[in-house]
Amino acid sequence: RALKEKAAADAKAAEEAARHNRELREYRDLQDELEPLQTRGAAQTRTLAEALGEYRANIAALRALNPNSAMLDPAAVAAGEAA
């Protein structure tokens, strides 16, 4: 009886170890997929921030040259910033 209990305990431990290894592999696979996406997302965010800064600088320059320009309409500016 003790041998059966030990065999059952060993089998359960082996199942747990196999499950843990599967989950660890899945975790690493997901991590490998997410890391480049996070890096790319950060780069795109920087690029968008730079473009928005350039857009706003150009709007300020336009405002200084022609404060009555139709391009300074708040709706047009908001649409430009959203683009």
Protein backbone atom coordinates (compact mmCIF):
# COMPACT_ATOMS: atom_id res chain seq x y z
CA ARG A 1 0.00 0.00 0.00
CA ALA A 2 2.83 2.41 0.81
CA LEU A 3 4.34 1.73 -2.61
CA LYS A 4 1.03 2.56 -4.32
CA GLU A 5 0.76 5.80 -2.36
CA LYS A 6 4.34 6.71 -3.22
CA ALA A 7 3.75 5.88 -6.89
CA ALA A 8 0.59 8.02 -6.88
CA ALA A 9 2.43 10.88 -5.18
CA ASP A 10 5.30 10.58 -7.67
CA ALA A 11 2.85 10.58 -10.59
CA LYS A 12 1.09 13.65 -9.20
CA ALA A 13 4.43 15.42 -8.72
CA ALA A 14 5.42 14.54 -12.29
CA GLU A 15 2.11 15.93 -13.61
CA GLU A 16 2.61 19.14 -11.63
CA ALA A 17 6.16 19.49 -12.93
CA ALA A 18 4.99 18.92 -16.51
CA ARG A 19 2.19 21.48 -16.09
CA HIS A 20 4.63 23.97 -14.60
CA ASN A 21 7.06 23.45 -17.49
CA ARG A 22 4.26 23.94 -20.06
CA GLU A 23 3.17 27.16 -18.36
CA LEU A 24 6.75 28.38 -18.20
CA ARG A 25 7.21 27.71 -21.94
CA GLU A 26 3.93 29.53 -22.71
CA TYR A 27 5.03 32.45 -20.54
CA ARG A 28 8.38 32.69 -22.30
CA ASP A 29 6.73 32.45 -25.73
CA LEU A 30 4.32 35.26 -24.84
CA GLN A 31 7.14 37.32 -23.43
CA ASP A 32 9.09 36.85 -26.67
CA GLU A 33 6.05 38.05 -28.64
CA LEU A 34 5.32 41.03 -26.40
CA GLU A 35 8.81 42.49 -26.07
CA PRO A 36 9.14 43.59 -29.72
CA LEU A 37 5.60 44.96 -29.67
CA GLN A 38 6.37 47.04 -26.60
CA THR A 39 9.58 48.31 -28.15
CA ARG A 40 7.83 49.17 -31.40
CA GLY A 41 4.98 50.84 -29.51
CA ALA A 42 7.42 52.98 -27.54
CA ALA A 43 9.19 54.02 -30.75
CA GLN A 44 5.89 54.89 -32.40
CA THR A 45 4.85 56.92 -29.36
CA ARG A 46 8.11 58.88 -29.54
CA THR A 47 7.62 59.44 -33.27
CA LEU A 48 4.05 60.63 -32.74
CA ALA A 49 5.13 62.96 -29.94
CA GLU A 50 7.83 64.43 -32.18
CA ALA A 51 5.38 64.90 -35.05
CA LEU A 52 2.85 66.55 -32.75
CA GLY A 53 5.53 68.89 -31.43
CA GLU A 54 6.52 69.82 -34.97
CA TYR A 55 2.86 70.38 -35.92
CA ARG A 56 2.31 72.64 -32.92
CA ALA A 57 5.48 74.61 -33.68
CA ASN A 58 4.29 75.13 -37.24
CA ILE A 59 0.86 76.25 -36.01
CA ALA A 60 2.56 78.75 -33.68
CA ALA A 61 4.70 80.05 -36.56
CA LEU A 62 1.62 80.33 -38.79
CA ARG A 63 -0.26 82.16 -36.03
CA ALA A 64 2.63 84.64 -35.77
CA LEU A 65 2.62 85.25 -39.52
CA ASN A 66 -1.14 85.27 -40.15
CA PRO A 67 -3.39 85.11 -37.10
CA ASN A 68 -6.46 85.12 -39.37
CA SER A 69 -5.49 82.01 -41.34
CA ALA A 70 -8.29 79.50 -41.85
CA MET A 71 -5.79 76.81 -40.84
CA LEU A 72 -5.92 78.21 -37.30
CA ASP A 73 -9.59 77.38 -36.92
CA PRO A 74 -9.81 75.43 -33.63
CA ALA A 75 -11.62 72.55 -35.34
CA ALA A 76 -8.92 72.34 -38.02
CA VAL A 77 -6.16 72.45 -35.41
CA ALA A 78 -7.88 69.77 -33.33
CA ALA A 79 -8.29 67.59 -36.43
CA GLY A 80 -4.62 68.10 -37.30
CA GLU A 81 -3.54 67.11 -33.81
CA ALA A 82 -5.77 64.05 -33.86
CA ALA A 83 -4.39 62.87 -37.20
